[in-house]
Amino acid sequence: MEFKTLAGRVGMDNAALDSCLKNETLFKKVRDRMEKSIQADKVEGTPTFFVNGVRLDGETELADFDAAISGAQKSKKKSS
């Protein structure tokens, strides 16, 4: 799927997307964060997600996301 199509599906218009993609400061922040994650978290491929410290790699099932999010919500309630 084309990136602009995906952005449109979540409500972002093409002008806003183009502005973000051309923003050098934002690009540098994203690149720096990506490089930090590669080194610190040993991220070697996409997709890789972290939900409250739980790592989900590759073709992750929806049930695994649900479990990670539910665990994060329970953890947050305990600390509140």
PDB file of N, CA and C in Angstrom:
ATOM      1  N   MET A   1       0.849  -1.176   0.000  1.00  0.00           N
ATOM      2  CA  MET A   1       0.000   0.000   0.000  1.00  0.00           C
ATOM      3  C   MET A   1       0.896   1.241   0.000  1.00  0.00           C
ATOM      4  N   GLU A   2       0.535   2.213  -0.788  1.00  0.00           N
ATOM      5  CA  GLU A   2       1.303   3.447  -0.859  1.00  0.00           C
ATOM      6  C   GLU A   2       1.170   4.226   0.445  1.00  0.00           C
ATOM      7  N   PHE A   3       2.263   4.851   0.854  1.00  0.00           N
ATOM      8  CA  PHE A   3       2.308   5.587   2.115  1.00  0.00           C
ATOM      9  C   PHE A   3       1.247   6.683   2.174  1.00  0.00           C
ATOM     10  N   LYS A   4       1.053   7.421   1.078  1.00  0.00           N
ATOM     11  CA  LYS A   4       0.061   8.501   1.069  1.00  0.00           C
ATOM     12  C   LYS A   4      -1.354   7.955   1.217  1.00  0.00           C
ATOM     13  N   THR A   5      -1.612   6.796   0.657  1.00  0.00           N
ATOM     14  CA  THR A   5      -2.930   6.174   0.807  1.00  0.00           C
ATOM     15  C   THR A   5      -3.168   5.813   2.261  1.00  0.00           C
ATOM     16  N   LEU A   6      -2.167   5.231   2.889  1.00  0.00           N
ATOM     17  CA  LEU A   6      -2.276   4.861   4.299  1.00  0.00           C
ATOM     18  C   LEU A   6      -2.481   6.096   5.171  1.00  0.00           C
ATOM     19  N   ALA A   7      -1.726   7.150   4.910  1.00  0.00           N
ATOM     20  CA  ALA A   7      -1.873   8.390   5.677  1.00  0.00           C
ATOM     21  C   ALA A   7      -3.276   8.966   5.506  1.00  0.00           C
ATOM     22  N   GLY A   8      -3.800   8.901   4.294  1.00  0.00           N
ATOM     23  CA  GLY A   8      -5.158   9.383   4.042  1.00  0.00           C
ATOM     24  C   GLY A   8      -6.202   8.597   4.807  1.00  0.00           C
ATOM     25  N   ARG A   9      -5.980   7.311   4.960  1.00  0.00           N
ATOM     26  CA  ARG A   9      -6.932   6.466   5.697  1.00  0.00           C
ATOM     27  C   ARG A   9      -7.023   6.830   7.173  1.00  0.00           C
ATOM     28  N   VAL A  10      -5.962   7.410   7.718  1.00  0.00           N
ATOM     29  CA  VAL A  10      -6.001   7.816   9.126  1.00  0.00           C
ATOM     30  C   VAL A  10      -6.286   9.307   9.277  1.00  0.00           C
ATOM     31  N   GLY A  11      -6.690   9.942   8.163  1.00  0.00           N
ATOM     32  CA  GLY A  11      -7.144  11.327   8.223  1.00  0.00           C
ATOM     33  C   GLY A  11      -6.096  12.389   7.946  1.00  0.00           C
ATOM     34  N   MET A  12      -4.924  12.022   7.492  1.00  0.00           N
ATOM     35  CA  MET A  12      -3.880  13.000   7.197  1.00  0.00           C
ATOM     36  C   MET A  12      -3.963  13.389   5.729  1.00  0.00           C
ATOM     37  N   ASP A  13      -4.008  14.688   5.454  1.00  0.00           N
ATOM     38  CA  ASP A  13      -4.078  15.109   4.057  1.00  0.00           C
ATOM     39  C   ASP A  13      -2.679  15.139   3.443  1.00  0.00           C
ATOM     40  N   ASN A  14      -2.624  15.141   2.112  1.00  0.00           N
ATOM     41  CA  ASN A  14      -1.348  15.070   1.402  1.00  0.00           C
ATOM     42  C   ASN A  14      -0.426  16.241   1.716  1.00  0.00           C
ATOM     43  N   ALA A  15      -0.976  17.440   1.885  1.00  0.00           N
ATOM     44  CA  ALA A  15      -0.140  18.607   2.184  1.00  0.00           C
ATOM     45  C   ALA A  15       0.537  18.448   3.544  1.00  0.00           C
ATOM     46  N   ALA A  16      -0.213  17.973   4.534  1.00  0.00           N
ATOM     47  CA  ALA A  16       0.359  17.762   5.867  1.00  0.00           C
ATOM     48  C   ALA A  16       1.431  16.678   5.825  1.00  0.00           C
ATOM     49  N   LEU A  17       1.162  15.611   5.086  1.00  0.00           N
ATOM     50  CA  LEU A  17       2.136  14.532   4.959  1.00  0.00           C
ATOM     51  C   LEU A  17       3.407  15.035   4.278  1.00  0.00           C
ATOM     52  N   ASP A  18       3.258  15.757   3.175  1.00  0.00           N
ATOM     53  CA  ASP A  18       4.420  16.294   2.465  1.00  0.00           C
ATOM     54  C   ASP A  18       5.239  17.212   3.368  1.00  0.00           C
ATOM     55  N   SER A  19       4.552  18.024   4.163  1.00  0.00           N
ATOM     56  CA  SER A  19       5.235  18.920   5.092  1.00  0.00           C
ATOM     57  C   SER A  19       6.058  18.132   6.108  1.00  0.00           C
ATOM     58  N   CYS A  20       5.480  17.073   6.640  1.00  0.00           N
ATOM     59  CA  CYS A  20       6.202  16.228   7.605  1.00  0.00           C
ATOM     60  C   CYS A  20       7.411  15.560   6.961  1.00  0.00           C
ATOM     61  N   LEU A  21       7.225  15.036   5.754  1.00  0.00           N
ATOM     62  CA  LEU A  21       8.308  14.328   5.081  1.00  0.00           C
ATOM     63  C   LEU A  21       9.466  15.248   4.696  1.00  0.00           C
ATOM     64  N   LYS A  22       9.185  16.529   4.487  1.00  0.00           N
ATOM     65  CA  LYS A  22      10.221  17.488   4.104  1.00  0.00           C
ATOM     66  C   LYS A  22      10.863  18.181   5.304  1.00  0.00           C
ATOM     67  N   ASN A  23      10.366  17.924   6.509  1.00  0.00           N
ATOM     68  CA  ASN A  23      10.863  18.563   7.723  1.00  0.00           C
ATOM     69  C   ASN A  23      12.167  17.883   8.159  1.00  0.00           C
ATOM     70  N   GLU A  24      13.289  18.541   7.911  1.00  0.00           N
ATOM     71  CA  GLU A  24      14.606  17.958   8.209  1.00  0.00           C
ATOM     72  C   GLU A  24      14.804  17.701   9.704  1.00  0.00           C
ATOM     73  N   THR A  25      14.306  18.598  10.557  1.00  0.00           N
ATOM     74  CA  THR A  25      14.444  18.419  12.004  1.00  0.00           C
ATOM     75  C   THR A  25      13.706  17.174  12.459  1.00  0.00           C
ATOM     76  N   LEU A  26      12.486  17.014  11.984  1.00  0.00           N
ATOM     77  CA  LEU A  26      11.697  15.835  12.332  1.00  0.00           C
ATOM     78  C   LEU A  26      12.350  14.570  11.776  1.00  0.00           C
ATOM     79  N   PHE A  27      12.830  14.632  10.547  1.00  0.00           N
ATOM     80  CA  PHE A  27      13.500  13.487   9.937  1.00  0.00           C
ATOM     81  C   PHE A  27      14.704  13.058  10.776  1.00  0.00           C
ATOM     82  N   LYS A  28      15.499  14.039  11.227  1.00  0.00           N
ATOM     83  CA  LYS A  28      16.679  13.726  12.036  1.00  0.00           C
ATOM     84  C   LYS A  28      16.269  13.075  13.357  1.00  0.00           C
ATOM     85  N   LYS A  29      15.212  13.572  13.995  1.00  0.00           N
ATOM     86  CA  LYS A  29      14.748  12.981  15.256  1.00  0.00           C
ATOM     87  C   LYS A  29      14.313  11.532  15.057  1.00  0.00           C
ATOM     88  N   VAL A  30      13.574  11.284  13.995  1.00  0.00           N
ATOM     89  CA  VAL A  30      13.110   9.920  13.715  1.00  0.00           C
ATOM     90  C   VAL A  30      14.298   9.016  13.412  1.00  0.00           C
ATOM     91  N   ARG A  31      15.227   9.493  12.591  1.00  0.00           N
ATOM     92  CA  ARG A  31      16.409   8.701  12.247  1.00  0.00           C
ATOM     93  C   ARG A  31      17.251   8.398  13.482  1.00  0.00           C
ATOM     94  N   ASP A  32      17.467   9.410  14.336  1.00  0.00           N
ATOM     95  CA  ASP A  32      18.261   9.210  15.549  1.00  0.00           C
ATOM     96  C   ASP A  32      17.596   8.212  16.490  1.00  0.00           C
ATOM     97  N   ARG A  33      16.286   8.315  16.617  1.00  0.00           N
ATOM     98  CA  ARG A  33      15.557   7.380  17.482  1.00  0.00           C
ATOM     99  C   ARG A  33      15.627   5.957  16.924  1.00  0.00           C
ATOM    100  N   MET A  34      15.528   5.843  15.621  1.00  0.00           N
ATOM    101  CA  MET A  34      15.618   4.536  14.982  1.00  0.00           C
ATOM    102  C   MET A  34      16.995   3.917  15.225  1.00  0.00           C
ATOM    103  N   GLU A  35      18.049   4.709  15.043  1.00  0.00           N
ATOM    104  CA  GLU A  35      19.403   4.200  15.252  1.00  0.00           C
ATOM    105  C   GLU A  35      19.624   3.798  16.709  1.00  0.00           C
ATOM    106  N   LYS A  36      19.085   4.582  17.636  1.00  0.00           N
ATOM    107  CA  LYS A  36      19.195   4.254  19.060  1.00  0.00           C
ATOM    108  C   LYS A  36      18.493   2.929  19.350  1.00  0.00           C
ATOM    109  N   SER A  37      17.314   2.746  18.789  1.00  0.00           N
ATOM    110  CA  SER A  37      16.568   1.505  19.004  1.00  0.00           C
ATOM    111  C   SER A  37      17.295   0.306  18.423  1.00  0.00           C
ATOM    112  N   ILE A  38      17.890   0.488  17.267  1.00  0.00           N
ATOM    113  CA  ILE A  38      18.634  -0.606  16.640  1.00  0.00           C
ATOM    114  C   ILE A  38      19.768  -1.049  17.555  1.00  0.00           C
ATOM    115  N   GLN A  39      20.471  -0.087  18.134  1.00  0.00           N
ATOM    116  CA  GLN A  39      21.605  -0.411  18.993  1.00  0.00           C
ATOM    117  C   GLN A  39      21.160  -0.893  20.376  1.00  0.00           C
ATOM    118  N   ALA A  40      20.302  -0.143  21.035  1.00  0.00           N
ATOM    119  CA  ALA A  40      19.928  -0.446  22.420  1.00  0.00           C
ATOM    120  C   ALA A  40      18.991  -1.638  22.532  1.00  0.00           C
ATOM    121  N   ASP A  41      18.032  -1.725  21.629  1.00  0.00           N
ATOM    122  CA  ASP A  41      17.001  -2.759  21.733  1.00  0.00           C
ATOM    123  C   ASP A  41      17.233  -3.923  20.783  1.00  0.00           C
ATOM    124  N   LYS A  42      18.333  -3.862  20.036  1.00  0.00           N
ATOM    125  CA  LYS A  42      18.678  -4.931  19.093  1.00  0.00           C
ATOM    126  C   LYS A  42      17.575  -5.180  18.062  1.00  0.00           C
ATOM    127  N   VAL A  43      16.967  -4.086  17.597  1.00  0.00           N
ATOM    128  CA  VAL A  43      15.946  -4.192  16.559  1.00  0.00           C
ATOM    129  C   VAL A  43      16.654  -4.491  15.245  1.00  0.00           C
ATOM    130  N   GLU A  44      16.281  -5.599  14.631  1.00  0.00           N
ATOM    131  CA  GLU A  44      16.945  -6.023  13.403  1.00  0.00           C
ATOM    132  C   GLU A  44      16.009  -6.065  12.208  1.00  0.00           C
ATOM    133  N   GLY A  45      14.742  -5.770  12.408  1.00  0.00           N
ATOM    134  CA  GLY A  45      13.815  -5.817  11.291  1.00  0.00           C
ATOM    135  C   GLY A  45      12.484  -5.195  11.648  1.00  0.00           C
ATOM    136  N   THR A  46      11.648  -5.104  10.637  1.00  0.00           N
ATOM    137  CA  THR A  46      10.314  -4.560  10.840  1.00  0.00           C
ATOM    138  C   THR A  46       9.296  -5.618  10.470  1.00  0.00           C
ATOM    139  N   PRO A  47       8.157  -5.566  11.067  1.00  0.00           N
ATOM    140  CA  PRO A  47       7.808  -4.667  12.163  1.00  0.00           C
ATOM    141  C   PRO A  47       8.337  -5.167  13.506  1.00  0.00           C
ATOM    142  N   THR A  48       8.702  -4.235  14.353  1.00  0.00           N
ATOM    143  CA  THR A  48       9.040  -4.507  15.746  1.00  0.00           C
ATOM    144  C   THR A  48       8.292  -3.485  16.582  1.00  0.00           C
ATOM    145  N   PHE A  49       7.503  -3.957  17.516  1.00  0.00           N
ATOM    146  CA  PHE A  49       6.720  -3.087  18.388  1.00  0.00           C
ATOM    147  C   PHE A  49       7.111  -3.342  19.836  1.00  0.00           C
ATOM    148  N   PHE A  50       7.016  -2.305  20.662  1.00  0.00           N
ATOM    149  CA  PHE A  50       7.189  -2.439  22.098  1.00  0.00           C
ATOM    150  C   PHE A  50       5.931  -1.893  22.759  1.00  0.00           C
ATOM    151  N   VAL A  51       5.321  -2.700  23.600  1.00  0.00           N
ATOM    152  CA  VAL A  51       4.137  -2.272  24.349  1.00  0.00           C
ATOM    153  C   VAL A  51       4.490  -2.406  25.822  1.00  0.00           C
ATOM    154  N   ASN A  52       4.768  -1.269  26.453  1.00  0.00           N
ATOM    155  CA  ASN A  52       5.111  -1.253  27.875  1.00  0.00           C
ATOM    156  C   ASN A  52       6.257  -2.225  28.175  1.00  0.00           C
ATOM    157  N   GLY A  53       7.257  -2.224  27.314  1.00  0.00           N
ATOM    158  CA  GLY A  53       8.423  -3.070  27.515  1.00  0.00           C
ATOM    159  C   GLY A  53       8.325  -4.467  26.925  1.00  0.00           C
ATOM    160  N   VAL A  54       7.146  -4.860  26.454  1.00  0.00           N
ATOM    161  CA  VAL A  54       6.959  -6.173  25.835  1.00  0.00           C
ATOM    162  C   VAL A  54       7.274  -6.048  24.345  1.00  0.00           C
ATOM    163  N   ARG A  55       8.200  -6.854  23.880  1.00  0.00           N
ATOM    164  CA  ARG A  55       8.632  -6.791  22.481  1.00  0.00           C
ATOM    165  C   ARG A  55       7.795  -7.738  21.626  1.00  0.00           C
ATOM    166  N   LEU A  56       7.310  -7.216  20.514  1.00  0.00           N
ATOM    167  CA  LEU A  56       6.536  -8.000  19.553  1.00  0.00           C
ATOM    168  C   LEU A  56       7.227  -7.865  18.201  1.00  0.00           C
ATOM    169  N   ASP A  57       7.734  -8.979  17.678  1.00  0.00           N
ATOM    170  CA  ASP A  57       8.497  -8.976  16.425  1.00  0.00           C
ATOM    171  C   ASP A  57       7.730  -9.645  15.301  1.00  0.00           C
ATOM    172  N   GLY A  58       8.030  -9.198  14.087  1.00  0.00           N
ATOM    173  CA  GLY A  58       7.545  -9.888  12.894  1.00  0.00           C
ATOM    174  C   GLY A  58       6.041  -9.909  12.753  1.00  0.00           C
ATOM    175  N   GLU A  59       5.555 -10.988  12.185  1.00  0.00           N
ATOM    176  CA  GLU A  59       4.121 -11.133  11.941  1.00  0.00           C
ATOM    177  C   GLU A  59       3.425 -11.516  13.244  1.00  0.00           C
ATOM    178  N   THR A  60       3.108 -10.506  14.024  1.00  0.00           N
ATOM    179  CA  THR A  60       2.508 -10.706  15.340  1.00  0.00           C
ATOM    180  C   THR A  60       1.002 -10.835  15.207  1.00  0.00           C
ATOM    181  N   GLU A  61       0.452 -11.809  15.874  1.00  0.00           N
ATOM    182  CA  GLU A  61      -0.995 -12.025  15.862  1.00  0.00           C
ATOM    183  C   GLU A  61      -1.696 -10.939  16.673  1.00  0.00           C
ATOM    184  N   LEU A  62      -2.911 -10.619  16.286  1.00  0.00           N
ATOM    185  CA  LEU A  62      -3.707  -9.627  16.995  1.00  0.00           C
ATOM    186  C   LEU A  62      -3.872 -10.012  18.462  1.00  0.00           C
ATOM    187  N   ALA A  63      -4.018 -11.291  18.740  1.00  0.00           N
ATOM    188  CA  ALA A  63      -4.170 -11.760  20.126  1.00  0.00           C
ATOM    189  C   ALA A  63      -2.941 -11.411  20.966  1.00  0.00           C
ATOM    190  N   ASP A  64      -1.757 -11.427  20.351  1.00  0.00           N
ATOM    191  CA  ASP A  64      -0.537 -11.071  21.078  1.00  0.00           C
ATOM    192  C   ASP A  64      -0.513  -9.581  21.416  1.00  0.00           C
ATOM    193  N   PHE A  65      -0.966  -8.738  20.473  1.00  0.00           N
ATOM    194  CA  PHE A  65      -1.082  -7.311  20.758  1.00  0.00           C
ATOM    195  C   PHE A  65      -2.096  -7.081  21.875  1.00  0.00           C
ATOM    196  N   ASP A  66      -3.221  -7.758  21.778  1.00  0.00           N
ATOM    197  CA  ASP A  66      -4.267  -7.618  22.785  1.00  0.00           C
ATOM    198  C   ASP A  66      -3.735  -7.984  24.165  1.00  0.00           C
ATOM    199  N   ALA A  67      -3.001  -9.088  24.256  1.00  0.00           N
ATOM    200  CA  ALA A  67      -2.440  -9.521  25.537  1.00  0.00           C
ATOM    201  C   ALA A  67      -1.433  -8.503  26.073  1.00  0.00           C
ATOM    202  N   ALA A  68      -0.591  -7.968  25.203  1.00  0.00           N
ATOM    203  CA  ALA A  68       0.406  -6.985  25.630  1.00  0.00           C
ATOM    204  C   ALA A  68      -0.260  -5.700  26.105  1.00  0.00           C
ATOM    205  N   ILE A  69      -1.279  -5.250  25.388  1.00  0.00           N
ATOM    206  CA  ILE A  69      -1.986  -4.024  25.767  1.00  0.00           C
ATOM    207  C   ILE A  69      -2.764  -4.236  27.054  1.00  0.00           C
ATOM    208  N   SER A  70      -3.420  -5.377  27.184  1.00  0.00           N
ATOM    209  CA  SER A  70      -4.158  -5.684  28.418  1.00  0.00           C
ATOM    210  C   SER A  70      -3.213  -5.728  29.611  1.00  0.00           C
ATOM    211  N   GLY A  71      -2.053  -6.337  29.428  1.00  0.00           N
ATOM    212  CA  GLY A  71      -1.059  -6.387  30.497  1.00  0.00           C
ATOM    213  C   GLY A  71      -0.577  -5.003  30.888  1.00  0.00           C
ATOM    214  N   ALA A  72      -0.377  -4.143  29.906  1.00  0.00           N
ATOM    215  CA  ALA A  72       0.057  -2.773  30.182  1.00  0.00           C
ATOM    216  C   ALA A  72      -1.020  -2.006  30.936  1.00  0.00           C
ATOM    217  N   GLN A  73      -2.281  -2.213  30.564  1.00  0.00           N
ATOM    218  CA  GLN A  73      -3.381  -1.537  31.253  1.00  0.00           C
ATOM    219  C   GLN A  73      -3.482  -2.005  32.702  1.00  0.00           C
ATOM    220  N   LYS A  74      -3.347  -3.307  32.928  1.00  0.00           N
ATOM    221  CA  LYS A  74      -3.398  -3.845  34.291  1.00  0.00           C
ATOM    222  C   LYS A  74      -2.245  -3.305  35.121  1.00  0.00           C
ATOM    223  N   SER A  75      -1.077  -3.236  34.524  1.00  0.00           N
ATOM    224  CA  SER A  75       0.101  -2.718  35.209  1.00  0.00           C
ATOM    225  C   SER A  75      -0.095  -1.255  35.597  1.00  0.00           C
ATOM    226  N   LYS A  76      -0.703  -0.485  34.698  1.00  0.00           N
ATOM    227  CA  LYS A  76      -0.942   0.937  34.965  1.00  0.00           C
ATOM    228  C   LYS A  76      -1.941   1.104  36.102  1.00  0.00           C
ATOM    229  N   LYS A  77      -2.990   0.281  36.128  1.00  0.00           N
ATOM    230  CA  LYS A  77      -3.996   0.366  37.187  1.00  0.00           C
ATOM    231  C   LYS A  77      -3.386   0.055  38.549  1.00  0.00           C
ATOM    232  N   LYS A  78      -2.464  -0.914  38.601  1.00  0.00           N
ATOM    233  CA  LYS A  78      -1.822  -1.282  39.865  1.00  0.00           C
ATOM    234  C   LYS A  78      -0.948  -0.158  40.396  1.00  0.00           C
ATOM    235  N   SER A  79      -0.320   0.595  39.499  1.00  0.00           N
ATOM    236  CA  SER A  79       0.581   1.663  39.928  1.00  0.00           C
ATOM    237  C   SER A  79      -0.141   2.972  40.208  1.00  0.00           C
ATOM    238  N   SER A  80      -1.428   3.041  39.884  1.00  0.00           N
ATOM    239  CA  SER A  80      -2.193   4.285  40.099  1.00  0.00           C
ATOM    240  C   SER A  80      -2.690   4.401  41.512  1.00  0.00           C
TER     241      SER A  80
END
